[in-house]
Amino acid sequence: MAKNDPYEGRIVIDPNIHFGKPCIKGTRITVEDVLEIIQEGISFTEITKKYYPDLTLEDVKACAKYAADIVRSEEIHVRTK
């Protein structure tokens, strides 16, 4: 695990798993699936206990960080008249 890896090796992209969608390492659980549950207001702890017991709290946090970093790196183009 690289020190500068913000996801601590938890998020992987493999073209052979879910067509290359970001997943939690060692699973077929996509970041998108976890984010949809977060969006419903479910706590990170409840996600690991009720929805995805194979995940750790750090896995769920890595999904949120991944999403935040994607949004942070977006280029914004504003149309002016």
PDB file of N, CA and C in Angstrom:
ATOM      1  N   MET A   1       0.852  -1.174   0.000  1.00  0.00           N
ATOM      2  CA  MET A   1       0.000   0.000   0.000  1.00  0.00           C
ATOM      3  C   MET A   1       0.897   1.237   0.000  1.00  0.00           C
ATOM      4  N   ALA A   2       0.678   2.087  -0.995  1.00  0.00           N
ATOM      5  CA  ALA A   2       1.490   3.290  -1.128  1.00  0.00           C
ATOM      6  C   ALA A   2       1.035   4.348  -0.146  1.00  0.00           C
ATOM      7  N   LYS A   3       2.004   5.086   0.379  1.00  0.00           N
ATOM      8  CA  LYS A   3       1.655   6.127   1.354  1.00  0.00           C
ATOM      9  C   LYS A   3       0.815   7.234   0.743  1.00  0.00           C
ATOM     10  N   ASN A   4       0.994   7.496  -0.565  1.00  0.00           N
ATOM     11  CA  ASN A   4       0.246   8.583  -1.191  1.00  0.00           C
ATOM     12  C   ASN A   4      -1.067   8.089  -1.810  1.00  0.00           C
ATOM     13  N   ASP A   5      -1.440   6.842  -1.569  1.00  0.00           N
ATOM     14  CA  ASP A   5      -2.692   6.289  -2.074  1.00  0.00           C
ATOM     15  C   ASP A   5      -3.826   6.723  -1.149  1.00  0.00           C
ATOM     16  N   PRO A   6      -4.675   7.656  -1.603  1.00  0.00           N
ATOM     17  CA  PRO A   6      -5.725   8.171  -0.717  1.00  0.00           C
ATOM     18  C   PRO A   6      -6.771   7.125  -0.338  1.00  0.00           C
ATOM     19  N   TYR A   7      -6.838   6.053  -1.081  1.00  0.00           N
ATOM     20  CA  TYR A   7      -7.844   5.030  -0.810  1.00  0.00           C
ATOM     21  C   TYR A   7      -7.224   3.801  -0.164  1.00  0.00           C
ATOM     22  N   GLU A   8      -5.946   3.895   0.195  1.00  0.00           N
ATOM     23  CA  GLU A   8      -5.223   2.838   0.888  1.00  0.00           C
ATOM     24  C   GLU A   8      -5.377   1.491   0.176  1.00  0.00           C
ATOM     25  N   GLY A   9      -5.382   1.517  -1.152  1.00  0.00           N
ATOM     26  CA  GLY A   9      -5.489   0.288  -1.931  1.00  0.00           C
ATOM     27  C   GLY A   9      -6.856  -0.363  -1.866  1.00  0.00           C
ATOM     28  N   ARG A  10      -7.852   0.350  -1.396  1.00  0.00           N
ATOM     29  CA  ARG A  10      -9.188  -0.227  -1.205  1.00  0.00           C
ATOM     30  C   ARG A  10     -10.069  -0.137  -2.442  1.00  0.00           C
ATOM     31  N   ILE A  11      -9.827   0.828  -3.308  1.00  0.00           N
ATOM     32  CA  ILE A  11     -10.636   1.006  -4.505  1.00  0.00           C
ATOM     33  C   ILE A  11      -9.802   0.566  -5.705  1.00  0.00           C
ATOM     34  N   VAL A  12     -10.368  -0.337  -6.499  1.00  0.00           N
ATOM     35  CA  VAL A  12      -9.655  -0.837  -7.674  1.00  0.00           C
ATOM     36  C   VAL A  12     -10.546  -0.736  -8.904  1.00  0.00           C
ATOM     37  N   ILE A  13      -9.894  -0.621 -10.048  1.00  0.00           N
ATOM     38  CA  ILE A  13     -10.599  -0.620 -11.323  1.00  0.00           C
ATOM     39  C   ILE A  13     -10.018  -1.761 -12.139  1.00  0.00           C
ATOM     40  N   ASP A  14     -10.860  -2.736 -12.427  1.00  0.00           N
ATOM     41  CA  ASP A  14     -10.463  -3.918 -13.186  1.00  0.00           C
ATOM     42  C   ASP A  14     -11.457  -4.067 -14.332  1.00  0.00           C
ATOM     43  N   PRO A  15     -10.985  -4.009 -15.576  1.00  0.00           N
ATOM     44  CA  PRO A  15     -11.913  -4.101 -16.708  1.00  0.00           C
ATOM     45  C   PRO A  15     -12.706  -5.410 -16.742  1.00  0.00           C
ATOM     46  N   ASN A  16     -12.271  -6.407 -16.005  1.00  0.00           N
ATOM     47  CA  ASN A  16     -12.967  -7.695 -15.981  1.00  0.00           C
ATOM     48  C   ASN A  16     -14.030  -7.780 -14.889  1.00  0.00           C
ATOM     49  N   ILE A  17     -14.145  -6.750 -14.068  1.00  0.00           N
ATOM     50  CA  ILE A  17     -15.159  -6.730 -12.999  1.00  0.00           C
ATOM     51  C   ILE A  17     -16.069  -5.528 -13.213  1.00  0.00           C
ATOM     52  N   HIS A  18     -17.331  -5.781 -13.392  1.00  0.00           N
ATOM     53  CA  HIS A  18     -18.338  -4.713 -13.598  1.00  0.00           C
ATOM     54  C   HIS A  18     -17.910  -3.720 -14.672  1.00  0.00           C
ATOM     55  N   PHE A  19     -17.319  -4.235 -15.752  1.00  0.00           N
ATOM     56  CA  PHE A  19     -16.928  -3.413 -16.901  1.00  0.00           C
ATOM     57  C   PHE A  19     -16.004  -2.264 -16.520  1.00  0.00           C
ATOM     58  N   GLY A  20     -15.203  -2.469 -15.483  1.00  0.00           N
ATOM     59  CA  GLY A  20     -14.219  -1.458 -15.093  1.00  0.00           C
ATOM     60  C   GLY A  20     -14.728  -0.400 -14.142  1.00  0.00           C
ATOM     61  N   LYS A  21     -15.928  -0.592 -13.607  1.00  0.00           N
ATOM     62  CA  LYS A  21     -16.408   0.369 -12.600  1.00  0.00           C
ATOM     63  C   LYS A  21     -15.561   0.221 -11.344  1.00  0.00           C
ATOM     64  N   PRO A  22     -15.300   1.310 -10.637  1.00  0.00           N
ATOM     65  CA  PRO A  22     -14.517   1.222  -9.399  1.00  0.00           C
ATOM     66  C   PRO A  22     -15.226   0.333  -8.375  1.00  0.00           C
ATOM     67  N   CYS A  23     -14.468  -0.606  -7.809  1.00  0.00           N
ATOM     68  CA  CYS A  23     -14.990  -1.557  -6.826  1.00  0.00           C
ATOM     69  C   CYS A  23     -14.090  -1.566  -5.600  1.00  0.00           C
ATOM     70  N   ILE A  24     -14.619  -2.136  -4.540  1.00  0.00           N
ATOM     71  CA  ILE A  24     -13.810  -2.339  -3.345  1.00  0.00           C
ATOM     72  C   ILE A  24     -12.962  -3.583  -3.583  1.00  0.00           C
ATOM     73  N   LYS A  25     -11.683  -3.446  -3.345  1.00  0.00           N
ATOM     74  CA  LYS A  25     -10.723  -4.512  -3.619  1.00  0.00           C
ATOM     75  C   LYS A  25     -11.163  -5.832  -2.990  1.00  0.00           C
ATOM     76  N   GLY A  26     -11.057  -6.890  -3.780  1.00  0.00           N
ATOM     77  CA  GLY A  26     -11.391  -8.221  -3.299  1.00  0.00           C
ATOM     78  C   GLY A  26     -12.871  -8.535  -3.305  1.00  0.00           C
ATOM     79  N   THR A  27     -13.686  -7.605  -3.827  1.00  0.00           N
ATOM     80  CA  THR A  27     -15.136  -7.816  -3.887  1.00  0.00           C
ATOM     81  C   THR A  27     -15.634  -7.428  -5.282  1.00  0.00           C
ATOM     82  N   ARG A  28     -16.903  -7.651  -5.498  1.00  0.00           N
ATOM     83  CA  ARG A  28     -17.568  -7.166  -6.707  1.00  0.00           C
ATOM     84  C   ARG A  28     -18.516  -6.020  -6.331  1.00  0.00           C
ATOM     85  N   ILE A  29     -18.313  -5.436  -5.170  1.00  0.00           N
ATOM     86  CA  ILE A  29     -19.139  -4.334  -4.683  1.00  0.00           C
ATOM     87  C   ILE A  29     -18.603  -3.041  -5.272  1.00  0.00           C
ATOM     88  N   THR A  30     -19.466  -2.352  -6.020  1.00  0.00           N
ATOM     89  CA  THR A  30     -19.021  -1.112  -6.654  1.00  0.00           C
ATOM     90  C   THR A  30     -19.101   0.067  -5.697  1.00  0.00           C
ATOM     91  N   VAL A  31     -18.259   1.043  -5.962  1.00  0.00           N
ATOM     92  CA  VAL A  31     -18.313   2.309  -5.220  1.00  0.00           C
ATOM     93  C   VAL A  31     -19.703   2.913  -5.393  1.00  0.00           C
ATOM     94  N   GLU A  32     -20.236   2.833  -6.588  1.00  0.00           N
ATOM     95  CA  GLU A  32     -21.562   3.372  -6.875  1.00  0.00           C
ATOM     96  C   GLU A  32     -22.628   2.765  -5.958  1.00  0.00           C
ATOM     97  N   ASP A  33     -22.582   1.445  -5.770  1.00  0.00           N
ATOM     98  CA  ASP A  33     -23.572   0.790  -4.897  1.00  0.00           C
ATOM     99  C   ASP A  33     -23.483   1.315  -3.466  1.00  0.00           C
ATOM    100  N   VAL A  34     -22.283   1.484  -2.980  1.00  0.00           N
ATOM    101  CA  VAL A  34     -22.090   1.991  -1.620  1.00  0.00           C
ATOM    102  C   VAL A  34     -22.574   3.441  -1.530  1.00  0.00           C
ATOM    103  N   LEU A  35     -22.261   4.244  -2.537  1.00  0.00           N
ATOM    104  CA  LEU A  35     -22.687   5.645  -2.518  1.00  0.00           C
ATOM    105  C   LEU A  35     -24.206   5.786  -2.546  1.00  0.00           C
ATOM    106  N   GLU A  36     -24.875   4.900  -3.256  1.00  0.00           N
ATOM    107  CA  GLU A  36     -26.340   4.950  -3.289  1.00  0.00           C
ATOM    108  C   GLU A  36     -26.928   4.703  -1.898  1.00  0.00           C
ATOM    109  N   ILE A  37     -26.308   3.825  -1.143  1.00  0.00           N
ATOM    110  CA  ILE A  37     -26.785   3.567   0.220  1.00  0.00           C
ATOM    111  C   ILE A  37     -26.485   4.764   1.120  1.00  0.00           C
ATOM    112  N   ILE A  38     -25.309   5.353   0.972  1.00  0.00           N
ATOM    113  CA  ILE A  38     -24.966   6.555   1.739  1.00  0.00           C
ATOM    114  C   ILE A  38     -25.979   7.653   1.448  1.00  0.00           C
ATOM    115  N   GLN A  39     -26.341   7.790   0.178  1.00  0.00           N
ATOM    116  CA  GLN A  39     -27.300   8.818  -0.248  1.00  0.00           C
ATOM    117  C   GLN A  39     -28.642   8.659   0.457  1.00  0.00           C
ATOM    118  N   GLU A  40     -28.997   7.454   0.829  1.00  0.00           N
ATOM    119  CA  GLU A  40     -30.257   7.199   1.533  1.00  0.00           C
ATOM    120  C   GLU A  40     -30.189   7.574   3.010  1.00  0.00           C
ATOM    121  N   GLY A  41     -29.010   8.039   3.449  1.00  0.00           N
ATOM    122  CA  GLY A  41     -28.877   8.476   4.837  1.00  0.00           C
ATOM    123  C   GLY A  41     -28.499   7.358   5.792  1.00  0.00           C
ATOM    124  N   ILE A  42     -28.090   6.231   5.250  1.00  0.00           N
ATOM    125  CA  ILE A  42     -27.689   5.096   6.079  1.00  0.00           C
ATOM    126  C   ILE A  42     -26.280   5.375   6.602  1.00  0.00           C
ATOM    127  N   SER A  43     -26.056   5.136   7.880  1.00  0.00           N
ATOM    128  CA  SER A  43     -24.740   5.403   8.466  1.00  0.00           C
ATOM    129  C   SER A  43     -23.709   4.414   7.930  1.00  0.00           C
ATOM    130  N   PHE A  44     -22.464   4.836   7.960  1.00  0.00           N
ATOM    131  CA  PHE A  44     -21.379   3.984   7.492  1.00  0.00           C
ATOM    132  C   PHE A  44     -21.348   2.682   8.289  1.00  0.00           C
ATOM    133  N   THR A  45     -21.552   2.779   9.591  1.00  0.00           N
ATOM    134  CA  THR A  45     -21.538   1.588  10.446  1.00  0.00           C
ATOM    135  C   THR A  45     -22.666   0.639  10.066  1.00  0.00           C
ATOM    136  N   GLU A  46     -23.844   1.184   9.823  1.00  0.00           N
ATOM    137  CA  GLU A  46     -24.985   0.342   9.448  1.00  0.00           C
ATOM    138  C   GLU A  46     -24.746  -0.317   8.088  1.00  0.00           C
ATOM    139  N   ILE A  47     -24.086   0.379   7.187  1.00  0.00           N
ATOM    140  CA  ILE A  47     -23.767  -0.201   5.878  1.00  0.00           C
ATOM    141  C   ILE A  47     -22.922  -1.460   6.064  1.00  0.00           C
ATOM    142  N   THR A  48     -21.935  -1.380   6.950  1.00  0.00           N
ATOM    143  CA  THR A  48     -21.056  -2.537   7.156  1.00  0.00           C
ATOM    144  C   THR A  48     -21.730  -3.660   7.941  1.00  0.00           C
ATOM    145  N   LYS A  49     -22.727  -3.328   8.722  1.00  0.00           N
ATOM    146  CA  LYS A  49     -23.387  -4.364   9.519  1.00  0.00           C
ATOM    147  C   LYS A  49     -24.575  -5.001   8.800  1.00  0.00           C
ATOM    148  N   LYS A  50     -25.407  -4.176   8.139  1.00  0.00           N
ATOM    149  CA  LYS A  50     -26.646  -4.693   7.551  1.00  0.00           C
ATOM    150  C   LYS A  50     -26.572  -4.957   6.048  1.00  0.00           C
ATOM    151  N   TYR A  51     -25.833  -4.142   5.325  1.00  0.00           N
ATOM    152  CA  TYR A  51     -25.846  -4.233   3.867  1.00  0.00           C
ATOM    153  C   TYR A  51     -24.650  -4.996   3.306  1.00  0.00           C
ATOM    154  N   TYR A  52     -23.472  -4.670   3.779  1.00  0.00           N
ATOM    155  CA  TYR A  52     -22.248  -5.278   3.266  1.00  0.00           C
ATOM    156  C   TYR A  52     -21.338  -5.689   4.423  1.00  0.00           C
ATOM    157  N   PRO A  53     -21.651  -6.797   5.084  1.00  0.00           N
ATOM    158  CA  PRO A  53     -20.832  -7.209   6.235  1.00  0.00           C
ATOM    159  C   PRO A  53     -19.394  -7.581   5.866  1.00  0.00           C
ATOM    160  N   ASP A  54     -19.124  -7.792   4.584  1.00  0.00           N
ATOM    161  CA  ASP A  54     -17.747  -8.082   4.153  1.00  0.00           C
ATOM    162  C   ASP A  54     -16.887  -6.828   4.079  1.00  0.00           C
ATOM    163  N   LEU A  55     -17.525  -5.663   4.164  1.00  0.00           N
ATOM    164  CA  LEU A  55     -16.780  -4.407   4.104  1.00  0.00           C
ATOM    165  C   LEU A  55     -16.428  -3.919   5.496  1.00  0.00           C
ATOM    166  N   THR A  56     -15.381  -3.119   5.546  1.00  0.00           N
ATOM    167  CA  THR A  56     -15.012  -2.466   6.801  1.00  0.00           C
ATOM    168  C   THR A  56     -15.448  -1.011   6.734  1.00  0.00           C
ATOM    169  N   LEU A  57     -15.424  -0.371   7.861  1.00  0.00           N
ATOM    170  CA  LEU A  57     -15.729   1.057   7.915  1.00  0.00           C
ATOM    171  C   LEU A  57     -14.773   1.834   7.010  1.00  0.00           C
ATOM    172  N   GLU A  58     -13.513   1.422   6.981  1.00  0.00           N
ATOM    173  CA  GLU A  58     -12.514   2.099   6.135  1.00  0.00           C
ATOM    174  C   GLU A  58     -12.834   1.929   4.652  1.00  0.00           C
ATOM    175  N   ASP A  59     -13.421   0.794   4.261  1.00  0.00           N
ATOM    176  CA  ASP A  59     -13.832   0.591   2.870  1.00  0.00           C
ATOM    177  C   ASP A  59     -14.908   1.610   2.482  1.00  0.00           C
ATOM    178  N   VAL A  60     -15.880   1.789   3.354  1.00  0.00           N
ATOM    179  CA  VAL A  60     -16.977   2.719   3.081  1.00  0.00           C
ATOM    180  C   VAL A  60     -16.436   4.154   3.027  1.00  0.00           C
ATOM    181  N   LYS A  61     -15.546   4.498   3.944  1.00  0.00           N
ATOM    182  CA  LYS A  61     -14.935   5.832   3.928  1.00  0.00           C
ATOM    183  C   LYS A  61     -14.150   6.050   2.637  1.00  0.00           C
ATOM    184  N   ALA A  62     -13.480   4.999   2.156  1.00  0.00           N
ATOM    185  CA  ALA A  62     -12.715   5.106   0.910  1.00  0.00           C
ATOM    186  C   ALA A  62     -13.645   5.403  -0.269  1.00  0.00           C
ATOM    187  N   CYS A  63     -14.842   4.832  -0.263  1.00  0.00           N
ATOM    188  CA  CYS A  63     -15.820   5.110  -1.324  1.00  0.00           C
ATOM    189  C   CYS A  63     -16.216   6.586  -1.311  1.00  0.00           C
ATOM    190  N   ALA A  64     -16.491   7.111  -0.137  1.00  0.00           N
ATOM    191  CA  ALA A  64     -16.867   8.526  -0.013  1.00  0.00           C
ATOM    192  C   ALA A  64     -15.715   9.426  -0.444  1.00  0.00           C
ATOM    193  N   LYS A  65     -14.496   9.092  -0.055  1.00  0.00           N
ATOM    194  CA  LYS A  65     -13.329   9.888  -0.435  1.00  0.00           C
ATOM    195  C   LYS A  65     -13.118   9.831  -1.938  1.00  0.00           C
ATOM    196  N   TYR A  66     -13.281   8.661  -2.523  1.00  0.00           N
ATOM    197  CA  TYR A  66     -13.134   8.501  -3.968  1.00  0.00           C
ATOM    198  C   TYR A  66     -14.113   9.434  -4.692  1.00  0.00           C
ATOM    199  N   ALA A  67     -15.375   9.424  -4.272  1.00  0.00           N
ATOM    200  CA  ALA A  67     -16.384  10.278  -4.895  1.00  0.00           C
ATOM    201  C   ALA A  67     -16.044  11.761  -4.731  1.00  0.00           C
ATOM    202  N   ALA A  68     -15.624  12.139  -3.549  1.00  0.00           N
ATOM    203  CA  ALA A  68     -15.264  13.541  -3.301  1.00  0.00           C
ATOM    204  C   ALA A  68     -14.089  13.955  -4.187  1.00  0.00           C
ATOM    205  N   ASP A  69     -13.122  13.078  -4.347  1.00  0.00           N
ATOM    206  CA  ASP A  69     -11.967  13.403  -5.183  1.00  0.00           C
ATOM    207  C   ASP A  69     -12.346  13.520  -6.657  1.00  0.00           C
ATOM    208  N   ILE A  70     -13.278  12.687  -7.118  1.00  0.00           N
ATOM    209  CA  ILE A  70     -13.743  12.781  -8.508  1.00  0.00           C
ATOM    210  C   ILE A  70     -14.415  14.134  -8.734  1.00  0.00           C
ATOM    211  N   VAL A  71     -15.286  14.532  -7.829  1.00  0.00           N
ATOM    212  CA  VAL A  71     -15.979  15.819  -7.961  1.00  0.00           C
ATOM    213  C   VAL A  71     -14.978  16.968  -7.881  1.00  0.00           C
ATOM    214  N   ARG A  72     -14.017  16.863  -6.977  1.00  0.00           N
ATOM    215  CA  ARG A  72     -13.014  17.907  -6.807  1.00  0.00           C
ATOM    216  C   ARG A  72     -12.186  18.098  -8.082  1.00  0.00           C
ATOM    217  N   SER A  73     -11.968  17.033  -8.825  1.00  0.00           N
ATOM    218  CA  SER A  73     -11.110  17.118 -10.006  1.00  0.00           C
ATOM    219  C   SER A  73     -11.872  17.481 -11.279  1.00  0.00           C
ATOM    220  N   GLU A  74     -13.192  17.614 -11.179  1.00  0.00           N
ATOM    221  CA  GLU A  74     -13.993  17.974 -12.351  1.00  0.00           C
ATOM    222  C   GLU A  74     -13.641  19.363 -12.859  1.00  0.00           C
ATOM    223  N   GLU A  75     -13.683  19.490 -14.155  1.00  0.00           N
ATOM    224  CA  GLU A  75     -13.536  20.812 -14.760  1.00  0.00           C
ATOM    225  C   GLU A  75     -14.931  21.405 -14.924  1.00  0.00           C
ATOM    226  N   ILE A  76     -15.099  22.629 -14.494  1.00  0.00           N
ATOM    227  CA  ILE A  76     -16.377  23.302 -14.585  1.00  0.00           C
ATOM    228  C   ILE A  76     -16.318  24.299 -15.740  1.00  0.00           C
ATOM    229  N   HIS A  77     -17.270  24.194 -16.633  1.00  0.00           N
ATOM    230  CA  HIS A  77     -17.347  25.110 -17.775  1.00  0.00           C
ATOM    231  C   HIS A  77     -18.642  25.901 -17.657  1.00  0.00           C
ATOM    232  N   VAL A  78     -18.533  27.191 -17.474  1.00  0.00           N
ATOM    233  CA  VAL A  78     -19.684  28.049 -17.318  1.00  0.00           C
ATOM    234  C   VAL A  78     -19.915  28.809 -18.624  1.00  0.00           C
ATOM    235  N   ARG A  79     -21.124  28.716 -19.103  1.00  0.00           N
ATOM    236  CA  ARG A  79     -21.461  29.407 -20.336  1.00  0.00           C
ATOM    237  C   ARG A  79     -21.886  30.833 -19.986  1.00  0.00           C
ATOM    238  N   THR A  80     -21.301  31.791 -20.653  1.00  0.00           N
ATOM    239  CA  THR A  80     -21.703  33.182 -20.470  1.00  0.00           C
ATOM    240  C   THR A  80     -22.383  33.651 -21.741  1.00  0.00           C
ATOM    241  N   LYS A  81     -23.210  34.657 -21.588  1.00  0.00           N
ATOM    242  CA  LYS A  81     -23.951  35.182 -22.756  1.00  0.00           C
ATOM    243  C   LYS A  81     -23.085  35.982 -23.647  1.00  0.00           C
TER     244      LYS A  81
END
